[in-house]
């Protein structure tokens, strides 16, 4: 008989876990564990690393590549990696309930990248709005009201003291130093969303952006922002930094805005990314030698701008047969009644 996922209930939270481990492909979907029509608080799977690949637990960085969330409560999704050993790790996609309401997560896909512990050429890390807001909470009250520092209050006006204190910040940032590593030049920094908590109701749009700025060889500025009428209760992102000259590796960002304006939303937006010339030349030589295999392209969402009159249902797709030595084709799809004005994606191509 086929193995069935196990379901448990504790303190009102439902958890479903697939009993068999999944191969390490860099991708996970809740739909591999349960049906979309059976939303749970937590959906879990075990990912098995290739045999003898690691002697110590590796470092991981992960983000969402697809989200399908109800608008009946706050839009909430969190991606967690735990129980990391040299052989495997547990991946969990979850939602939650608090004073603002209860999130309903129909489905989500995740993408991740790994590196051996102690590797110095690549840096992984995490930034959470709570990091920036803790810093804000420690400021004197008059500085909070003046909106100084790195956190700005949503729709705040200087004469509305109560609104300034209650409204969650719309802009959150923090200067991050690269640990144990000093790049010779500013590295490439890719950001992936791995937690979001957005208000819904009143046709308030869903907007969140994860980004990096002011990148130097030693530090960069991490950002988690919203804008317009959107309310960001919280969010988190992973970041991946590595030398821009690394062989057989390329990275970048693409957006629906590369193809169409935000006011022309479509169910499917399609575009193409071209690799940098050095990557093209290396991959072309590999094909000429008869050793061709497409690079692995890992792509995670870093920006969403969707209408608030329905749930949020957005996914990014990159098909292996549409990856060649010069680049790849991508699609951003909006499902159901979701209107996706814009979406952004951070990508990494691994050709080694």
Protein backbone atom coordinates (compact mmCIF):
# COMPACT_ATOMS: atom_id res chain seq x y z
CA UNK A 1 0.00 0.00 0.00
CA UNK A 2 1.22 3.57 -0.65
CA UNK A 3 2.53 5.54 2.31
CA UNK A 4 0.09 8.20 3.46
CA UNK A 5 1.02 11.54 5.02
CA UNK A 6 0.62 11.67 8.80
CA UNK A 7 -1.61 14.32 10.36
CA UNK A 8 -1.45 15.64 13.92
CA UNK A 9 -3.37 18.32 15.82
CA UNK A 10 -1.96 20.28 18.76
CA UNK A 11 -3.34 23.48 20.33
CA UNK A 12 -5.64 23.98 17.35
CA UNK A 13 -2.81 23.76 14.80
CA UNK A 14 -2.92 21.01 12.18
CA UNK A 15 0.36 19.53 10.92
CA UNK A 16 0.71 17.13 8.00
CA UNK A 17 4.01 15.41 7.21
CA UNK A 18 4.94 13.19 4.30
CA UNK A 19 6.30 9.88 5.63
CA UNK A 20 8.89 9.33 2.90
CA UNK A 21 11.89 11.63 2.27
CA UNK A 22 12.10 13.64 -0.94
CA UNK A 23 15.17 13.80 -3.17
CA UNK A 24 17.26 16.97 -2.93
CA UNK A 25 16.22 18.83 -6.08
CA UNK A 26 16.27 22.31 -4.56
CA UNK A 27 12.47 22.48 -4.80
CA UNK A 28 9.56 21.54 -2.50
CA UNK A 29 5.80 21.89 -2.92
CA UNK A 30 3.04 21.44 -0.37
CA UNK A 31 1.09 19.83 -3.22
CA UNK A 32 3.49 16.89 -3.01
CA UNK A 33 2.22 16.31 0.54
CA UNK A 34 -1.47 17.29 0.44
CA UNK A 35 -4.19 18.63 -1.84
CA UNK A 36 -4.75 22.36 -2.21
CA UNK A 37 -8.30 21.88 -0.90
CA UNK A 38 -6.97 20.56 2.42
CA UNK A 39 -5.18 23.60 3.89
CA UNK A 40 -3.33 22.98 7.14
CA UNK A 41 -1.40 25.09 9.60
CA UNK A 42 1.85 23.29 8.81
CA UNK A 43 2.90 21.16 5.85
CA UNK A 44 6.19 19.31 6.25
CA UNK A 45 8.58 17.11 4.32
CA UNK A 46 12.02 15.62 4.83
CA UNK A 47 14.67 16.34 2.19
CA UNK A 48 17.47 13.79 1.85
CA UNK A 49 20.85 15.11 0.74
CA UNK A 50 22.91 13.09 -1.78
CA UNK A 51 24.80 10.32 -0.03
CA UNK A 52 28.19 11.32 1.42
CA UNK A 53 27.79 14.87 0.13
CA UNK A 54 28.27 16.48 3.55
CA UNK A 55 30.26 15.53 6.64
CA UNK A 56 28.70 18.34 8.68
CA UNK A 57 25.22 19.89 8.51
CA UNK A 58 25.30 22.30 5.55
CA UNK A 59 24.07 25.88 5.50
CA UNK A 60 20.81 26.57 3.67
CA UNK A 61 19.08 29.63 2.24
CA UNK A 62 15.48 29.30 1.08
CA UNK A 63 12.55 31.27 -0.29
CA UNK A 64 9.11 30.97 -1.83
CA UNK A 65 8.69 30.35 -5.56
CA UNK A 66 4.88 30.07 -5.38
CA UNK A 67 2.18 31.23 -2.96
CA UNK A 68 -1.55 30.50 -2.89
CA UNK A 69 -3.18 32.28 0.07
CA UNK A 70 -6.75 33.11 1.06
CA UNK A 71 -7.87 36.71 1.61
CA UNK A 72 -10.41 35.74 4.29
CA UNK A 73 -7.78 36.64 6.88
CA UNK A 74 -4.27 38.09 6.84
CA UNK A 75 -1.99 36.75 4.10
CA UNK A 76 0.50 34.66 6.04
CA UNK A 77 3.19 32.18 5.08
CA UNK A 78 6.45 31.17 6.72
CA UNK A 79 9.19 28.86 5.46
CA UNK A 80 11.30 27.00 8.01
CA UNK A 81 14.23 24.58 7.76
CA UNK A 82 14.96 22.50 10.88
CA UNK A 83 16.63 19.27 12.00
CA UNK A 84 19.53 19.85 9.61
CA UNK A 85 22.02 16.97 9.61
CA UNK A 86 24.65 15.80 7.08
CA UNK A 87 22.01 13.42 5.71
CA UNK A 88 18.77 15.45 5.58
CA UNK A 89 16.67 18.35 6.81
CA UNK A 90 13.02 19.04 7.56
CA UNK A 91 11.23 21.72 5.55
CA UNK A 92 8.00 23.27 6.84
CA UNK A 93 5.58 25.71 5.24
CA UNK A 94 3.25 27.22 7.83
CA UNK A 95 0.67 29.87 8.58
CA UNK A 96 -0.71 31.05 11.94
CA UNK A 97 -3.37 32.87 13.93
CA UNK A 98 -3.13 35.91 16.23
CA UNK A 99 -5.07 39.05 17.19
CA UNK A 100 -5.14 40.23 13.55
CA UNK A 101 -6.81 37.04 12.33
CA UNK A 102 -5.99 33.62 10.95
CA UNK A 103 -4.13 32.88 7.73
CA UNK A 104 -5.21 30.17 5.28
CA UNK A 105 -2.47 28.65 3.14
CA UNK A 106 -3.78 26.60 0.22
CA UNK A 107 -0.39 25.86 -1.31
CA UNK A 108 3.20 27.06 -1.58
CA UNK A 109 6.41 26.07 -3.34
CA UNK A 110 9.90 26.60 -1.95
CA UNK A 111 13.37 26.79 -3.43
CA UNK A 112 16.69 26.52 -1.60
CA UNK A 113 20.43 26.52 -2.10
CA UNK A 114 23.06 24.74 0.02
CA UNK A 115 26.72 25.16 0.82
CA UNK A 116 29.19 23.25 2.94
CA UNK A 117 29.65 24.64 6.40
CA UNK A 118 32.76 26.78 6.56
CA UNK A 119 32.79 27.60 2.86
CA UNK A 120 34.17 31.12 2.50
CA UNK A 121 33.27 31.99 -1.08
CA UNK A 122 29.53 32.22 -0.45
CA UNK A 123 27.56 33.81 2.39
CA UNK A 124 23.98 32.99 3.41
CA UNK A 125 21.91 34.95 5.89
CA UNK A 126 18.49 36.09 7.04
CA UNK A 127 16.84 39.47 7.63
CA UNK A 128 13.51 39.88 9.44
CA UNK A 129 11.41 42.99 9.98
CA UNK A 130 11.62 42.18 13.69
CA UNK A 131 15.35 42.95 13.52
CA UNK A 132 14.67 46.51 12.37
CA UNK A 133 11.62 47.03 14.59
CA UNK A 134 13.48 45.95 17.70
CA UNK A 135 15.96 48.72 16.94
CA UNK A 136 13.05 51.17 16.55
CA UNK A 137 11.52 50.09 19.87
CA UNK A 138 14.76 50.98 21.63
CA UNK A 139 14.71 54.58 20.35
CA UNK A 140 13.40 57.46 22.51
CA UNK A 141 9.72 58.21 21.88
CA UNK A 142 10.43 61.56 20.20
CA UNK A 143 12.69 59.87 17.64
CA UNK A 144 10.01 57.30 16.83
CA UNK A 145 7.51 60.07 16.15
CA UNK A 146 9.91 61.93 13.89
CA UNK A 147 10.40 58.80 11.79
CA UNK A 148 14.17 58.83 12.13
CA UNK A 149 16.41 55.89 11.55
CA UNK A 150 15.77 53.00 9.19
CA UNK A 151 12.07 52.31 9.82
CA UNK A 152 9.26 54.43 8.44
CA UNK A 153 5.67 54.27 9.62
CA UNK A 154 2.94 53.52 7.08
CA UNK A 155 0.82 56.60 6.25
CA UNK A 156 2.31 58.45 9.23
CA UNK A 157 1.77 62.18 9.66
CA UNK A 158 3.78 64.09 12.24
CA UNK A 159 0.67 65.53 13.95
CA UNK A 160 -1.01 62.15 14.43
CA UNK A 161 0.87 60.71 17.38
CA UNK A 162 -1.41 57.70 17.90
CA UNK A 163 -1.30 56.64 14.24
CA UNK A 164 2.49 56.91 14.25
CA UNK A 165 2.77 54.53 17.18
CA UNK A 166 0.15 52.00 16.06
CA UNK A 167 0.66 51.64 12.30
CA UNK A 168 3.29 49.02 11.41
CA UNK A 169 6.32 50.36 9.55
CA UNK A 170 6.15 50.33 5.77
CA UNK A 171 9.94 50.41 5.33
CA UNK A 172 12.36 48.24 7.28
CA UNK A 173 16.10 48.04 6.74
CA UNK A 174 19.32 46.98 8.40
CA UNK A 175 23.01 47.17 7.56
CA UNK A 176 24.43 43.66 7.43
CA UNK A 177 28.13 42.78 7.59
CA UNK A 178 29.34 39.72 5.76
CA UNK A 179 30.58 37.25 8.42
CA UNK A 180 34.03 35.67 8.22
CA UNK A 181 34.41 36.77 4.63
CA UNK A 182 35.69 39.89 2.97
CA UNK A 183 35.04 39.91 -0.73
CA UNK A 184 37.62 41.60 -2.91
CA UNK A 185 34.82 43.40 -4.75
CA UNK A 186 31.14 43.99 -4.04
CA UNK A 187 29.46 40.59 -4.42
CA UNK A 188 26.20 39.67 -6.07
CA UNK A 189 23.41 39.58 -3.46
CA UNK A 190 20.19 37.69 -4.22
CA UNK A 191 17.13 38.05 -1.96
CA UNK A 192 14.23 35.60 -1.54
CA UNK A 193 11.07 36.16 0.50
CA UNK A 194 10.54 33.43 3.09
CA UNK A 195 7.99 34.99 5.44
CA UNK A 196 5.17 37.43 4.83
CA UNK A 197 2.34 38.74 6.98
CA UNK A 198 0.12 41.21 5.11
CA UNK A 199 -3.23 42.70 6.07
CA UNK A 200 -6.26 41.98 3.89
CA UNK A 201 -9.73 43.49 3.67
CA UNK A 202 -11.25 46.58 2.12
CA UNK A 203 -9.63 45.65 -1.20
CA UNK A 204 -6.30 46.70 0.28
CA UNK A 205 -3.60 45.54 -2.14
CA UNK A 206 -0.87 43.06 -1.22
CA UNK A 207 2.60 44.54 -1.65
CA UNK A 208 5.97 43.44 -0.34
CA UNK A 209 9.54 43.78 -1.61
CA UNK A 210 12.81 42.22 -0.43
CA UNK A 211 15.95 43.90 -1.76
CA UNK A 212 19.60 44.75 -1.19
CA UNK A 213 21.27 48.13 -1.70
CA UNK A 214 24.57 49.90 -1.01
CA UNK A 215 26.50 46.67 -1.56
CA UNK A 216 30.21 46.86 -0.75
CA UNK A 217 32.89 44.24 -0.20
CA UNK A 218 32.06 44.14 3.52
CA UNK A 219 28.43 45.18 4.03
CA UNK A 220 25.07 45.81 2.40
CA UNK A 221 21.68 47.24 3.29
CA UNK A 222 18.82 44.71 3.54
CA UNK A 223 15.26 45.97 2.94
CA UNK A 224 11.74 44.62 3.51
CA UNK A 225 9.19 47.19 2.40
CA UNK A 226 5.61 47.80 1.39
CA UNK A 227 3.94 50.87 -0.13
CA UNK A 228 0.62 52.47 -1.00
CA UNK A 229 -2.33 51.31 1.10
CA UNK A 230 -0.74 47.96 2.02
CA UNK A 231 -0.05 47.03 5.64
CA UNK A 232 2.98 44.86 6.38
CA UNK A 233 2.66 43.23 9.79
CA UNK A 234 5.97 41.47 9.19
CA UNK A 235 8.22 39.66 6.76
CA UNK A 236 11.57 37.96 6.32
CA UNK A 237 14.02 37.22 3.55
CA UNK A 238 17.09 35.10 2.95
CA UNK A 239 20.10 36.51 1.15
CA UNK A 240 22.83 34.77 -0.83
CA UNK A 241 26.08 36.62 -1.55
CA UNK A 242 28.92 35.36 -3.75
CA UNK A 243 31.63 36.78 -6.04
CA UNK A 244 30.37 38.01 -9.39
CA UNK A 245 33.37 36.31 -11.02
CA UNK A 246 32.60 32.82 -9.70
CA UNK A 247 32.97 30.24 -12.49
CA UNK A 248 29.86 28.55 -13.84
CA UNK A 249 27.62 30.72 -11.64
CA UNK A 250 25.41 33.58 -12.72
CA UNK A 251 22.61 35.44 -10.97
CA UNK A 252 20.27 38.38 -11.24
CA UNK A 253 16.70 39.55 -11.00
CA UNK A 254 13.79 39.69 -13.40
CA UNK A 255 10.35 41.19 -13.10
CA UNK A 256 7.05 41.27 -14.92
CA UNK A 257 7.86 44.97 -15.33
CA UNK A 258 10.64 43.95 -17.73
CA UNK A 259 7.89 42.81 -20.12
CA UNK A 260 4.80 44.90 -19.38
CA UNK A 261 3.65 47.87 -17.25
CA UNK A 262 2.03 47.19 -13.87
CA UNK A 263 -1.35 48.47 -15.10
CA UNK A 264 -1.53 45.71 -17.73
CA UNK A 265 -1.90 42.62 -15.49
CA UNK A 266 -1.97 39.23 -17.21
CA UNK A 267 -2.58 35.64 -16.08
CA UNK A 268 0.78 34.69 -17.62
CA UNK A 269 3.77 36.98 -18.14
CA UNK A 270 6.68 35.49 -20.05
CA UNK A 271 10.21 36.75 -20.59
CA UNK A 272 13.80 35.72 -21.21
CA UNK A 273 17.02 36.18 -19.24
CA UNK A 274 20.42 36.20 -20.91
CA UNK A 275 23.47 34.92 -19.03
CA UNK A 276 26.58 37.10 -18.76
CA UNK A 277 29.06 36.57 -21.58
CA UNK A 278 31.60 34.60 -19.52
CA UNK A 279 28.89 32.13 -18.48
CA UNK A 280 27.72 31.78 -22.10
CA UNK A 281 31.26 31.03 -23.29
CA UNK A 282 31.86 28.38 -20.63
CA UNK A 283 28.54 26.65 -21.26
CA UNK A 284 29.07 26.80 -25.04
CA UNK A 285 32.45 25.08 -24.70
CA UNK A 286 30.81 22.38 -22.61
CA UNK A 287 28.23 21.77 -25.34
CA UNK A 288 30.93 21.63 -28.03
CA UNK A 289 32.75 18.96 -26.04
CA UNK A 290 29.61 16.83 -25.90
CA UNK A 291 29.20 17.26 -22.14
CA UNK A 292 26.13 19.48 -22.23
CA UNK A 293 23.72 19.63 -19.35
CA UNK A 294 21.64 22.70 -18.57
CA UNK A 295 22.60 24.69 -15.50
CA UNK A 296 20.30 24.46 -12.50
CA UNK A 297 18.31 27.68 -12.16
CA UNK A 298 16.94 28.43 -8.69
CA UNK A 299 14.38 31.24 -8.64
CA UNK A 300 12.53 32.74 -5.67
CA UNK A 301 10.04 35.59 -5.31
CA UNK A 302 11.39 38.90 -4.01
CA UNK A 303 8.48 41.23 -4.82
CA UNK A 304 4.69 41.00 -5.04
CA UNK A 305 2.08 43.60 -6.00
CA UNK A 306 -1.40 42.07 -6.28
CA UNK A 307 -4.98 43.31 -6.06
CA UNK A 308 -6.71 42.91 -2.70
CA UNK A 309 -10.15 41.90 -4.02
CA UNK A 310 -9.23 38.19 -4.04
CA UNK A 311 -6.64 35.84 -2.63
CA UNK A 312 -2.99 35.88 -3.62
CA UNK A 313 -1.97 33.17 -6.08
CA UNK A 314 1.36 33.69 -7.87
CA UNK A 315 4.04 31.29 -9.06
CA UNK A 316 7.28 31.54 -11.01
CA UNK A 317 8.11 28.75 -13.46
CA UNK A 318 11.37 27.94 -15.23
CA UNK A 319 11.32 24.73 -17.26
CA UNK A 320 14.50 22.71 -17.72
CA UNK A 321 13.94 22.32 -21.46
CA UNK A 322 13.85 26.13 -21.80
CA UNK A 323 17.34 26.59 -20.33
CA UNK A 324 20.24 26.74 -22.80
CA UNK A 325 23.81 28.01 -22.87
CA UNK A 326 22.68 31.58 -23.53
CA UNK A 327 19.95 31.94 -20.91
CA UNK A 328 16.44 30.81 -20.03
CA UNK A 329 12.76 31.58 -20.45
CA UNK A 330 10.62 32.32 -17.40
CA UNK A 331 6.93 32.67 -16.64
CA UNK A 332 5.08 34.35 -13.78
CA UNK A 333 1.55 32.96 -13.43
CA UNK A 334 -1.40 34.38 -11.51
CA UNK A 335 -3.97 31.76 -10.53
CA UNK A 336 -7.67 31.83 -9.75
CA UNK A 337 -9.09 35.35 -9.38
CA UNK A 338 -5.73 36.87 -8.41
CA UNK A 339 -4.73 40.02 -10.29
CA UNK A 340 -0.95 40.30 -10.29
CA UNK A 341 0.11 43.83 -11.15
CA UNK A 342 3.79 42.98 -10.73
CA UNK A 343 6.11 40.33 -9.36
CA UNK A 344 9.88 40.19 -8.99
CA UNK A 345 12.20 37.21 -8.83
CA UNK A 346 15.80 36.64 -7.76
CA UNK A 347 17.60 33.83 -9.60
CA UNK A 348 20.84 31.88 -9.40
CA UNK A 349 22.18 29.64 -12.19
CA UNK A 350 24.58 26.87 -11.15
CA UNK A 351 26.45 25.36 -14.07
CA UNK A 352 29.13 23.36 -12.29
